[in-house]
Amino acid sequence: MWRLACLLIGYALGNLLFADIIARLRFRSSIFELGNGNPGMANVARSLGRNAAIACLAGDILKVVAAVLVCRALFPGELPPLVRGWACIGATLGHDFPVWHGFRGGKGVTTLSSALALIDWRGALVAALVAAAAVYLTGYLSIAAVAAAGVFVIWAALLLPAEAILLAALVFALALYGQWSNLRGIGDGTAKRDLKRR
């Protein structure tokens, strides 16, 4: 019951797409009509600038943290530590599949990264180092996102309880789903690198 409640609370808060909120407040235009149409930090940075991207990043982290805090407030003293992971998964589902936009949203990189940190910060740190290495070596953020999620699954399988392994597997599945079109573009040579290699 707690898990379902946390998932639904997370989903509701995840529907707040800060990229679109910022675009509408600052430029009176939907983020879905700017750049590549993705309501994520990378598109905000390209379309609206660095300050808007930082605000978007902060907002996307905040909604994941808010989901966890709301769940703790509703179930004081009753919420097992790992149940917060379900609020994080819910926030990512809300971000990726917002009900108000026909279930077409972002790729969830920031929300998934926040989820990893809230599930197990040590594993999230290892995943972040792997992501940094992956983007430096390949130039692609998509590869970095999937690699980080994959490493976290291995970390969870080796060191964390069964529920954390399930949460890590869900994070990996959502990362893979969100980045699939980009990965296909990398495979067929049509995707542009996010980081230019010298």
N, C-alpha and C. Protein backbone atom coordinates (compact mmCIF):
# COMPACT_ATOMS: atom_id res chain seq x y z
N MET A 1 0.84 -1.21 0.00
CA MET A 1 0.00 0.00 0.00
C MET A 1 0.87 1.26 0.00
N TRP A 2 1.90 1.27 0.88
CA TRP A 2 2.81 2.42 0.90
C TRP A 2 3.46 2.63 -0.46
N ARG A 3 3.87 1.53 -1.06
CA ARG A 3 4.59 1.62 -2.33
C ARG A 3 3.69 2.23 -3.41
N LEU A 4 2.47 1.76 -3.49
CA LEU A 4 1.54 2.30 -4.48
C LEU A 4 1.25 3.77 -4.22
N ALA A 5 1.04 4.13 -2.95
CA ALA A 5 0.76 5.53 -2.60
C ALA A 5 1.95 6.41 -2.98
N CYS A 6 3.16 5.95 -2.68
CA CYS A 6 4.36 6.73 -3.00
C CYS A 6 4.54 6.86 -4.52
N LEU A 7 4.24 5.78 -5.24
CA LEU A 7 4.34 5.81 -6.70
C LEU A 7 3.39 6.85 -7.28
N LEU A 8 2.15 6.87 -6.78
CA LEU A 8 1.14 7.81 -7.29
C LEU A 8 1.46 9.26 -6.91
N ILE A 9 1.95 9.46 -5.68
CA ILE A 9 2.35 10.81 -5.26
C ILE A 9 3.50 11.31 -6.12
N GLY A 10 4.47 10.44 -6.34
CA GLY A 10 5.60 10.79 -7.19
C GLY A 10 5.14 11.11 -8.60
N TYR A 11 4.22 10.31 -9.12
CA TYR A 11 3.71 10.55 -10.48
C TYR A 11 3.04 11.92 -10.59
N ALA A 12 2.24 12.25 -9.60
CA ALA A 12 1.53 13.54 -9.62
C ALA A 12 2.52 14.70 -9.65
N LEU A 13 3.55 14.64 -8.81
CA LEU A 13 4.54 15.72 -8.77
C LEU A 13 5.43 15.70 -10.02
N GLY A 14 5.67 14.52 -10.55
CA GLY A 14 6.49 14.41 -11.75
C GLY A 14 5.86 15.08 -12.96
N ASN A 15 4.54 15.25 -12.93
CA ASN A 15 3.84 15.91 -14.03
C ASN A 15 4.20 17.40 -14.15
N LEU A 16 4.84 17.94 -13.10
CA LEU A 16 5.29 19.33 -13.17
C LEU A 16 6.55 19.38 -14.03
N LEU A 17 6.41 19.78 -15.26
CA LEU A 17 7.56 19.87 -16.18
C LEU A 17 8.13 21.28 -16.09
N PHE A 18 9.19 21.42 -15.31
CA PHE A 18 9.75 22.75 -15.07
C PHE A 18 10.30 23.37 -16.34
N ALA A 19 10.75 22.56 -17.28
CA ALA A 19 11.22 23.10 -18.56
C ALA A 19 10.10 23.88 -19.24
N ASP A 20 8.90 23.33 -19.22
CA ASP A 20 7.78 24.00 -19.86
C ASP A 20 7.33 25.22 -19.06
N ILE A 21 7.35 25.10 -17.73
CA ILE A 21 6.97 26.22 -16.87
C ILE A 21 7.90 27.41 -17.12
N ILE A 22 9.21 27.13 -17.17
CA ILE A 22 10.20 28.19 -17.39
C ILE A 22 10.03 28.81 -18.77
N ALA A 23 9.83 27.98 -19.77
CA ALA A 23 9.66 28.49 -21.14
C ALA A 23 8.43 29.38 -21.25
N ARG A 24 7.35 28.99 -20.59
CA ARG A 24 6.12 29.78 -20.67
C ARG A 24 6.24 31.09 -19.89
N LEU A 25 6.90 31.05 -18.74
CA LEU A 25 7.05 32.25 -17.94
C LEU A 25 8.00 33.25 -18.58
N ARG A 26 9.08 32.73 -19.16
CA ARG A 26 10.12 33.61 -19.68
C ARG A 26 9.90 34.03 -21.13
N PHE A 27 9.42 33.10 -21.95
CA PHE A 27 9.30 33.38 -23.38
C PHE A 27 7.87 33.26 -23.90
N ARG A 28 6.94 32.93 -23.00
CA ARG A 28 5.54 32.76 -23.39
C ARG A 28 5.40 31.77 -24.54
N SER A 29 6.21 30.73 -24.47
CA SER A 29 6.18 29.68 -25.49
C SER A 29 6.37 28.34 -24.81
N SER A 30 5.76 27.30 -25.35
CA SER A 30 5.91 25.97 -24.78
C SER A 30 7.27 25.41 -25.15
N ILE A 31 7.89 24.70 -24.22
CA ILE A 31 9.18 24.06 -24.51
C ILE A 31 9.03 23.01 -25.60
N PHE A 32 7.82 22.50 -25.77
CA PHE A 32 7.56 21.49 -26.80
C PHE A 32 7.64 22.09 -28.21
N GLU A 33 7.67 23.43 -28.28
CA GLU A 33 7.77 24.11 -29.57
C GLU A 33 9.17 24.69 -29.80
N LEU A 34 10.08 24.45 -28.86
CA LEU A 34 11.43 25.00 -28.96
C LEU A 34 12.46 23.89 -29.14
N GLY A 35 13.49 24.15 -29.90
CA GLY A 35 14.57 23.19 -30.07
C GLY A 35 14.07 21.86 -30.59
N ASN A 36 14.46 20.78 -29.86
CA ASN A 36 14.02 19.44 -30.28
C ASN A 36 12.69 19.05 -29.64
N GLY A 37 12.09 19.97 -28.87
CA GLY A 37 10.78 19.71 -28.28
C GLY A 37 10.81 18.89 -27.01
N ASN A 38 12.00 18.55 -26.53
CA ASN A 38 12.09 17.74 -25.32
C ASN A 38 12.05 18.62 -24.07
N PRO A 39 11.19 18.30 -23.11
CA PRO A 39 11.10 19.12 -21.89
C PRO A 39 12.15 18.75 -20.86
N GLY A 40 13.41 18.83 -21.26
CA GLY A 40 14.51 18.50 -20.37
C GLY A 40 15.54 19.59 -20.34
N MET A 41 16.52 19.43 -19.43
CA MET A 41 17.51 20.46 -19.20
C MET A 41 18.36 20.75 -20.45
N ALA A 42 18.73 19.71 -21.19
CA ALA A 42 19.59 19.91 -22.36
C ALA A 42 18.91 20.80 -23.40
N ASN A 43 17.64 20.55 -23.66
CA ASN A 43 16.91 21.37 -24.64
C ASN A 43 16.72 22.79 -24.11
N VAL A 44 16.48 22.91 -22.80
CA VAL A 44 16.34 24.24 -22.20
C VAL A 44 17.64 25.02 -22.36
N ALA A 45 18.77 24.34 -22.11
CA ALA A 45 20.07 25.01 -22.23
C ALA A 45 20.30 25.51 -23.66
N ARG A 46 19.98 24.65 -24.63
CA ARG A 46 20.19 25.05 -26.03
C ARG A 46 19.22 26.14 -26.47
N SER A 47 17.99 26.07 -25.99
CA SER A 47 16.95 26.98 -26.48
C SER A 47 16.81 28.26 -25.66
N LEU A 48 17.04 28.16 -24.34
CA LEU A 48 16.75 29.30 -23.46
C LEU A 48 17.97 29.83 -22.71
N GLY A 49 19.07 29.08 -22.72
CA GLY A 49 20.27 29.57 -22.06
C GLY A 49 20.60 28.86 -20.75
N ARG A 50 21.79 29.17 -20.26
CA ARG A 50 22.32 28.47 -19.09
C ARG A 50 21.51 28.69 -17.82
N ASN A 51 21.11 29.93 -17.56
CA ASN A 51 20.37 30.22 -16.33
C ASN A 51 19.03 29.47 -16.30
N ALA A 52 18.37 29.43 -17.42
CA ALA A 52 17.11 28.69 -17.50
C ALA A 52 17.35 27.20 -17.29
N ALA A 53 18.46 26.70 -17.82
CA ALA A 53 18.79 25.28 -17.65
C ALA A 53 19.06 24.95 -16.19
N ILE A 54 19.75 25.83 -15.49
CA ILE A 54 20.02 25.62 -14.06
C ILE A 54 18.72 25.61 -13.27
N ALA A 55 17.81 26.53 -13.61
CA ALA A 55 16.51 26.56 -12.94
C ALA A 55 15.72 25.29 -13.21
N CYS A 56 15.80 24.79 -14.44
CA CYS A 56 15.12 23.55 -14.81
C CYS A 56 15.69 22.37 -14.03
N LEU A 57 17.02 22.30 -13.94
CA LEU A 57 17.68 21.24 -13.19
C LEU A 57 17.24 21.25 -11.73
N ALA A 58 17.23 22.45 -11.14
CA ALA A 58 16.82 22.57 -9.74
C ALA A 58 15.37 22.14 -9.55
N GLY A 59 14.51 22.54 -10.47
CA GLY A 59 13.10 22.17 -10.37
C GLY A 59 12.88 20.67 -10.49
N ASP A 60 13.59 20.03 -11.41
CA ASP A 60 13.42 18.59 -11.60
C ASP A 60 13.95 17.79 -10.40
N ILE A 61 15.02 18.28 -9.78
CA ILE A 61 15.51 17.64 -8.56
C ILE A 61 14.51 17.86 -7.44
N LEU A 62 14.00 19.08 -7.35
CA LEU A 62 13.08 19.45 -6.27
C LEU A 62 11.82 18.60 -6.28
N LYS A 63 11.30 18.30 -7.47
CA LYS A 63 10.04 17.54 -7.49
C LYS A 63 10.24 16.10 -7.01
N VAL A 64 11.43 15.55 -7.23
CA VAL A 64 11.72 14.20 -6.73
C VAL A 64 11.84 14.24 -5.20
N VAL A 65 12.58 15.22 -4.70
CA VAL A 65 12.74 15.37 -3.24
C VAL A 65 11.39 15.66 -2.59
N ALA A 66 10.59 16.50 -3.24
CA ALA A 66 9.26 16.83 -2.71
C ALA A 66 8.39 15.58 -2.61
N ALA A 67 8.46 14.71 -3.61
CA ALA A 67 7.68 13.47 -3.58
C ALA A 67 8.03 12.63 -2.36
N VAL A 68 9.33 12.52 -2.08
CA VAL A 68 9.79 11.76 -0.92
C VAL A 68 9.31 12.42 0.37
N LEU A 69 9.42 13.74 0.46
CA LEU A 69 9.02 14.45 1.68
C LEU A 69 7.52 14.35 1.92
N VAL A 70 6.73 14.43 0.86
CA VAL A 70 5.29 14.29 1.01
C VAL A 70 4.94 12.90 1.52
N CYS A 71 5.59 11.89 0.97
CA CYS A 71 5.34 10.51 1.43
C CYS A 71 5.72 10.34 2.90
N ARG A 72 6.84 10.91 3.30
CA ARG A 72 7.25 10.83 4.70
C ARG A 72 6.26 11.54 5.61
N ALA A 73 5.74 12.68 5.14
CA ALA A 73 4.78 13.43 5.95
C ALA A 73 3.46 12.68 6.09
N LEU A 74 3.05 11.98 5.04
CA LEU A 74 1.79 11.24 5.09
C LEU A 74 1.88 9.96 5.90
N PHE A 75 3.08 9.38 5.93
CA PHE A 75 3.27 8.12 6.65
C PHE A 75 4.40 8.26 7.68
N PRO A 76 4.23 9.14 8.66
CA PRO A 76 5.32 9.36 9.63
C PRO A 76 5.60 8.11 10.46
N GLY A 77 6.87 7.75 10.51
CA GLY A 77 7.28 6.60 11.32
C GLY A 77 6.93 5.26 10.73
N GLU A 78 6.27 5.23 9.58
CA GLU A 78 5.82 3.97 9.01
C GLU A 78 6.55 3.61 7.72
N LEU A 79 7.22 4.58 7.11
CA LEU A 79 7.75 4.39 5.78
C LEU A 79 9.14 3.75 5.83
N PRO A 80 9.28 2.51 5.35
CA PRO A 80 10.61 1.90 5.28
C PRO A 80 11.51 2.70 4.35
N PRO A 81 12.82 2.76 4.63
CA PRO A 81 13.72 3.63 3.87
C PRO A 81 13.65 3.45 2.35
N LEU A 82 13.58 2.22 1.87
CA LEU A 82 13.63 2.01 0.43
C LEU A 82 12.32 2.37 -0.27
N VAL A 83 11.25 2.54 0.50
CA VAL A 83 9.98 2.88 -0.13
C VAL A 83 10.06 4.25 -0.81
N ARG A 84 11.00 5.11 -0.33
CA ARG A 84 11.17 6.41 -0.98
C ARG A 84 11.56 6.25 -2.45
N GLY A 85 12.20 5.12 -2.76
CA GLY A 85 12.57 4.85 -4.14
C GLY A 85 11.35 4.79 -5.04
N TRP A 86 10.22 4.33 -4.52
CA TRP A 86 9.01 4.26 -5.34
C TRP A 86 8.47 5.65 -5.65
N ALA A 87 8.65 6.59 -4.72
CA ALA A 87 8.27 7.97 -5.01
C ALA A 87 9.14 8.54 -6.13
N CYS A 88 10.42 8.17 -6.12
CA CYS A 88 11.34 8.63 -7.17
C CYS A 88 10.96 8.04 -8.53
N ILE A 89 10.64 6.75 -8.54
CA ILE A 89 10.21 6.11 -9.80
C ILE A 89 8.93 6.77 -10.30
N GLY A 90 8.00 7.03 -9.38
CA GLY A 90 6.76 7.70 -9.76
C GLY A 90 7.01 9.07 -10.35
N ALA A 91 7.95 9.84 -9.76
CA ALA A 91 8.27 11.17 -10.28
C ALA A 91 8.83 11.08 -11.70
N THR A 92 9.65 10.06 -11.94
CA THR A 92 10.20 9.88 -13.28
C THR A 92 9.11 9.50 -14.27
N LEU A 93 8.20 8.63 -13.86
CA LEU A 93 7.09 8.26 -14.74
C LEU A 93 6.23 9.47 -15.07
N GLY A 94 6.00 10.33 -14.07
CA GLY A 94 5.23 11.55 -14.30
C GLY A 94 5.95 12.50 -15.25
N HIS A 95 7.28 12.57 -15.12
CA HIS A 95 8.08 13.43 -15.99
C HIS A 95 8.09 12.89 -17.42
N ASP A 96 8.25 11.58 -17.55
CA ASP A 96 8.33 10.96 -18.88
C ASP A 96 6.98 10.84 -19.57
N PHE A 97 5.92 10.63 -18.76
CA PHE A 97 4.59 10.38 -19.31
C PHE A 97 3.54 11.27 -18.61
N PRO A 98 3.64 12.61 -18.77
CA PRO A 98 2.69 13.49 -18.10
C PRO A 98 1.29 13.37 -18.68
N VAL A 99 0.32 13.20 -17.81
CA VAL A 99 -1.05 12.96 -18.26
C VAL A 99 -1.59 14.16 -19.04
N TRP A 100 -1.18 15.38 -18.67
CA TRP A 100 -1.71 16.58 -19.30
C TRP A 100 -1.13 16.84 -20.68
N HIS A 101 -0.11 16.11 -21.05
CA HIS A 101 0.49 16.31 -22.37
C HIS A 101 0.43 15.02 -23.20
N GLY A 102 -0.64 14.29 -23.04
CA GLY A 102 -0.83 13.08 -23.83
C GLY A 102 0.22 12.01 -23.54
N PHE A 103 0.75 12.01 -22.32
CA PHE A 103 1.75 11.02 -21.89
C PHE A 103 3.04 11.11 -22.70
N ARG A 104 3.35 12.31 -23.22
CA ARG A 104 4.60 12.54 -23.95
C ARG A 104 5.40 13.59 -23.20
N GLY A 105 6.48 13.15 -22.57
CA GLY A 105 7.27 14.07 -21.77
C GLY A 105 8.75 13.98 -22.06
N GLY A 106 9.55 14.09 -21.00
CA GLY A 106 11.00 14.12 -21.14
C GLY A 106 11.63 12.74 -21.09
N LYS A 107 12.95 12.75 -20.93
CA LYS A 107 13.71 11.50 -20.88
C LYS A 107 14.08 11.10 -19.47
N GLY A 108 13.88 12.00 -18.52
CA GLY A 108 14.01 11.65 -17.11
C GLY A 108 15.43 11.50 -16.59
N VAL A 109 16.41 12.10 -17.24
CA VAL A 109 17.79 11.93 -16.78
C VAL A 109 17.98 12.52 -15.38
N THR A 110 17.49 13.73 -15.15
CA THR A 110 17.65 14.37 -13.84
C THR A 110 16.85 13.65 -12.77
N THR A 111 15.62 13.27 -13.07
CA THR A 111 14.81 12.58 -12.07
C THR A 111 15.38 11.21 -11.74
N LEU A 112 15.91 10.51 -12.74
CA LEU A 112 16.52 9.20 -12.49
C LEU A 112 17.81 9.34 -11.69
N SER A 113 18.60 10.37 -11.99
CA SER A 113 19.82 10.61 -11.22
C SER A 113 19.48 10.91 -9.76
N SER A 114 18.44 11.69 -9.55
CA SER A 114 17.99 11.98 -8.19
C SER A 114 17.52 10.71 -7.49
N ALA A 115 16.83 9.85 -8.25
CA ALA A 115 16.36 8.59 -7.68
C ALA A 115 17.54 7.73 -7.21
N LEU A 116 18.59 7.65 -8.02
CA LEU A 116 19.76 6.86 -7.62
C LEU A 116 20.35 7.40 -6.33
N ALA A 117 20.46 8.73 -6.24
CA ALA A 117 21.04 9.33 -5.04
C ALA A 117 20.20 9.05 -3.80
N LEU A 118 18.88 9.02 -3.96
CA LEU A 118 18.01 8.78 -2.81
C LEU A 118 17.89 7.30 -2.45
N ILE A 119 18.14 6.42 -3.41
CA ILE A 119 18.12 4.99 -3.12
C ILE A 119 19.40 4.58 -2.41
N ASP A 120 20.55 5.00 -2.95
CA ASP A 120 21.84 4.71 -2.31
C ASP A 120 22.89 5.68 -2.85
N TRP A 121 23.29 6.63 -2.03
CA TRP A 121 24.17 7.69 -2.50
C TRP A 121 25.55 7.17 -2.92
N ARG A 122 26.00 6.09 -2.29
CA ARG A 122 27.32 5.55 -2.65
C ARG A 122 27.29 4.98 -4.06
N GLY A 123 26.27 4.20 -4.35
CA GLY A 123 26.12 3.66 -5.70
C GLY A 123 25.90 4.75 -6.72
N ALA A 124 25.17 5.81 -6.32
CA ALA A 124 24.93 6.93 -7.22
C ALA A 124 26.24 7.64 -7.55
N LEU A 125 27.14 7.74 -6.57
CA LEU A 125 28.43 8.38 -6.80
C LEU A 125 29.27 7.57 -7.79
N VAL A 126 29.28 6.25 -7.62
CA VAL A 126 29.99 5.38 -8.56
C VAL A 126 29.38 5.52 -9.96
N ALA A 127 28.05 5.53 -10.02
CA ALA A 127 27.36 5.68 -11.32
C ALA A 127 27.70 7.01 -11.97
N ALA A 128 27.80 8.08 -11.16
CA ALA A 128 28.12 9.40 -11.70
C ALA A 128 29.53 9.42 -12.28
N LEU A 129 30.46 8.75 -11.62
CA LEU A 129 31.84 8.68 -12.13
C LEU A 129 31.88 7.92 -13.46
N VAL A 130 31.11 6.84 -13.53
CA VAL A 130 31.04 6.08 -14.78
C VAL A 130 30.42 6.93 -15.89
N ALA A 131 29.36 7.67 -15.55
CA ALA A 131 28.71 8.54 -16.53
C ALA A 131 29.68 9.60 -17.05
N ALA A 132 30.45 10.20 -16.14
CA ALA A 132 31.42 11.21 -16.55
C ALA A 132 32.46 10.63 -17.50
N ALA A 133 32.94 9.43 -17.16
CA ALA A 133 33.92 8.77 -18.03
C ALA A 133 33.31 8.44 -19.38
N ALA A 134 32.06 7.97 -19.37
CA ALA A 134 31.40 7.57 -20.62
C ALA A 134 31.18 8.77 -21.54
N VAL A 135 30.75 9.89 -20.98
CA VAL A 135 30.50 11.05 -21.84
C VAL A 135 31.83 11.64 -22.33
N TYR A 136 32.87 11.55 -21.51
CA TYR A 136 34.18 12.05 -21.94
C TYR A 136 34.74 11.19 -23.08
N LEU A 137 34.59 9.88 -22.96
CA LEU A 137 35.16 8.97 -23.95
C LEU A 137 34.35 8.90 -25.24
N THR A 138 33.02 9.02 -25.12
CA THR A 138 32.17 8.85 -26.31
C THR A 138 31.61 10.16 -26.84
N GLY A 139 31.42 11.15 -25.95
CA GLY A 139 30.80 12.40 -26.35
C GLY A 139 29.29 12.38 -26.34
N TYR A 140 28.69 11.26 -25.90
CA TYR A 140 27.23 11.13 -25.93
C TYR A 140 26.65 11.04 -24.52
N LEU A 141 25.73 11.95 -24.20
CA LEU A 141 25.05 11.90 -22.91
C LEU A 141 24.15 10.68 -22.79
N SER A 142 23.60 10.23 -23.90
CA SER A 142 22.70 9.07 -23.87
C SER A 142 23.44 7.82 -23.39
N ILE A 143 24.63 7.61 -23.90
CA ILE A 143 25.43 6.46 -23.48
C ILE A 143 25.78 6.59 -22.00
N ALA A 144 26.11 7.82 -21.58
CA ALA A 144 26.45 8.04 -20.18
C ALA A 144 25.28 7.72 -19.25
N ALA A 145 24.07 8.14 -19.64
CA ALA A 145 22.89 7.91 -18.81
C ALA A 145 22.60 6.42 -18.64
N VAL A 146 22.66 5.69 -19.74
CA VAL A 146 22.37 4.25 -19.69
C VAL A 146 23.48 3.50 -18.96
N ALA A 147 24.73 3.91 -19.19
CA ALA A 147 25.86 3.27 -18.51
C ALA A 147 25.77 3.47 -17.00
N ALA A 148 25.42 4.67 -16.58
CA ALA A 148 25.30 4.94 -15.14
C ALA A 148 24.21 4.08 -14.51
N ALA A 149 23.06 3.99 -15.18
CA ALA A 149 21.96 3.18 -14.66
C ALA A 149 22.35 1.70 -14.61
N GLY A 150 23.08 1.23 -15.63
CA GLY A 150 23.52 -0.16 -15.66
C GLY A 150 24.49 -0.48 -14.54
N VAL A 151 25.42 0.44 -14.28
CA VAL A 151 26.38 0.24 -13.20
C VAL A 151 25.67 0.20 -11.85
N PHE A 152 24.63 1.04 -11.71
CA PHE A 152 23.89 1.04 -10.45
C PHE A 152 23.17 -0.28 -10.22
N VAL A 153 22.69 -0.90 -11.29
CA VAL A 153 22.06 -2.22 -11.16
C VAL A 153 23.07 -3.23 -10.61
N ILE A 154 24.28 -3.20 -11.15
CA ILE A 154 25.33 -4.10 -10.67
C ILE A 154 25.64 -3.82 -9.21
N TRP A 155 25.76 -2.55 -8.86
CA TRP A 155 26.02 -2.15 -7.47
C TRP A 155 24.93 -2.69 -6.54
N ALA A 156 23.68 -2.50 -6.95
CA ALA A 156 22.56 -2.96 -6.13
C ALA A 156 22.57 -4.47 -6.00
N ALA A 157 22.85 -5.18 -7.10
CA ALA A 157 22.87 -6.65 -7.07
C ALA A 157 23.94 -7.18 -6.13
N LEU A 158 25.04 -6.46 -6.02
CA LEU A 158 26.15 -6.91 -5.18
C LEU A 158 26.01 -6.51 -3.72
N LEU A 159 25.40 -5.34 -3.45
CA LEU A 159 25.49 -4.77 -2.11
C LEU A 159 24.17 -4.40 -1.44
N LEU A 160 23.08 -4.37 -2.18
CA LEU A 160 21.84 -3.86 -1.62
C LEU A 160 20.77 -4.94 -1.55
N PRO A 161 19.74 -4.72 -0.73
CA PRO A 161 18.66 -5.71 -0.60
C PRO A 161 17.84 -5.85 -1.88
N ALA A 162 16.98 -6.87 -1.89
CA ALA A 162 16.22 -7.24 -3.10
C ALA A 162 15.37 -6.09 -3.63
N GLU A 163 14.73 -5.33 -2.75
CA GLU A 163 13.87 -4.24 -3.21
C GLU A 163 14.69 -3.17 -3.94
N ALA A 164 15.90 -2.91 -3.46
CA ALA A 164 16.77 -1.94 -4.13
C ALA A 164 17.17 -2.44 -5.51
N ILE A 165 17.35 -3.75 -5.65
CA ILE A 165 17.69 -4.32 -6.96
C ILE A 165 16.53 -4.09 -7.94
N LEU A 166 15.31 -4.31 -7.46
CA LEU A 166 14.13 -4.07 -8.29
C LEU A 166 14.04 -2.60 -8.70
N LEU A 167 14.26 -1.70 -7.76
CA LEU A 167 14.22 -0.27 -8.06
C LEU A 167 15.31 0.11 -9.07
N ALA A 168 16.50 -0.47 -8.88
CA ALA A 168 17.61 -0.19 -9.80
C ALA A 168 17.28 -0.69 -11.20
N ALA A 169 16.65 -1.86 -11.28
CA ALA A 169 16.26 -2.41 -12.59
C ALA A 169 15.22 -1.52 -13.26
N LEU A 170 14.30 -0.96 -12.49
CA LEU A 170 13.30 -0.04 -13.05
C LEU A 170 13.96 1.24 -13.55
N VAL A 171 14.94 1.74 -12.78
CA VAL A 171 15.69 2.92 -13.21
C VAL A 171 16.39 2.65 -14.54
N PHE A 172 17.02 1.49 -14.64
CA PHE A 172 17.72 1.13 -15.87
C PHE A 172 16.75 1.03 -17.04
N ALA A 173 15.60 0.38 -16.81
CA ALA A 173 14.60 0.24 -17.87
C ALA A 173 14.10 1.60 -18.35
N LEU A 174 13.85 2.51 -17.41
CA LEU A 174 13.37 3.86 -17.78
C LEU A 174 14.46 4.65 -18.50
N ALA A 175 15.71 4.48 -18.07
CA ALA A 175 16.82 5.16 -18.74
C ALA A 175 16.97 4.64 -20.17
N LEU A 176 16.88 3.33 -20.32
CA LEU A 176 17.02 2.74 -21.65
C LEU A 176 15.87 3.17 -22.56
N TYR A 177 14.66 3.18 -22.02
CA TYR A 177 13.49 3.61 -22.79
C TYR A 177 13.64 5.08 -23.22
N GLY A 178 14.04 5.93 -22.26
CA GLY A 178 14.16 7.35 -22.56
C GLY A 178 15.23 7.68 -23.58
N GLN A 179 16.29 6.88 -23.60
CA GLN A 179 17.42 7.17 -24.48
C GLN A 179 17.42 6.31 -25.75
N TRP A 180 16.42 5.47 -25.94
CA TRP A 180 16.45 4.49 -27.02
C TRP A 180 16.60 5.13 -28.40
N SER A 181 15.84 6.18 -28.67
CA SER A 181 15.93 6.80 -29.99
C SER A 181 17.31 7.40 -30.21
N ASN A 182 17.90 7.99 -29.18
CA ASN A 182 19.25 8.53 -29.30
C ASN A 182 20.27 7.43 -29.53
N LEU A 183 20.10 6.31 -28.82
CA LEU A 183 21.03 5.20 -28.98
C LEU A 183 20.95 4.63 -30.39
N ARG A 184 19.74 4.57 -30.93
CA ARG A 184 19.59 4.12 -32.32
C ARG A 184 20.29 5.07 -33.28
N GLY A 185 20.17 6.37 -33.00
CA GLY A 185 20.84 7.35 -33.82
C GLY A 185 22.35 7.23 -33.76
N ILE A 186 22.87 6.90 -32.58
CA ILE A 186 24.31 6.67 -32.44
C ILE A 186 24.72 5.44 -33.24
N GLY A 187 23.89 4.41 -33.17
CA GLY A 187 24.19 3.18 -33.88
C GLY A 187 24.21 3.35 -35.39
N ASP A 188 23.31 4.17 -35.92
CA ASP A 188 23.28 4.33 -37.38
C ASP A 188 24.05 5.57 -37.86
N GLY A 189 24.70 6.26 -36.91
CA GLY A 189 25.58 7.36 -37.28
C GLY A 189 24.89 8.69 -37.53
N THR A 190 23.61 8.82 -37.16
CA THR A 190 22.89 10.07 -37.42
C THR A 190 22.85 11.01 -36.21
N ALA A 191 23.23 10.51 -35.04
CA ALA A 191 23.18 11.34 -33.83
C ALA A 191 24.43 12.22 -33.73
N LYS A 192 24.23 13.45 -33.29
CA LYS A 192 25.35 14.36 -33.07
C LYS A 192 25.86 14.21 -31.64
N ARG A 193 27.17 14.32 -31.48
CA ARG A 193 27.75 14.23 -30.15
C ARG A 193 27.36 15.45 -29.31
N ASP A 194 27.08 15.18 -28.03
CA ASP A 194 26.77 16.27 -27.10
C ASP A 194 28.04 16.98 -26.65
N LEU A 195 29.13 16.23 -26.62
CA LEU A 195 30.43 16.78 -26.23
C LEU A 195 31.41 16.53 -27.36
N LYS A 196 31.93 17.61 -27.92
CA LYS A 196 32.86 17.45 -29.03
C LYS A 196 34.21 16.95 -28.54
N ARG A 197 34.69 15.95 -29.21
CA ARG A 197 36.00 15.39 -28.85
C ARG A 197 37.08 16.03 -29.70
N ARG A 198 38.18 16.38 -29.05
CA ARG A 198 39.28 17.02 -29.77
C ARG A 198 40.18 15.97 -30.43
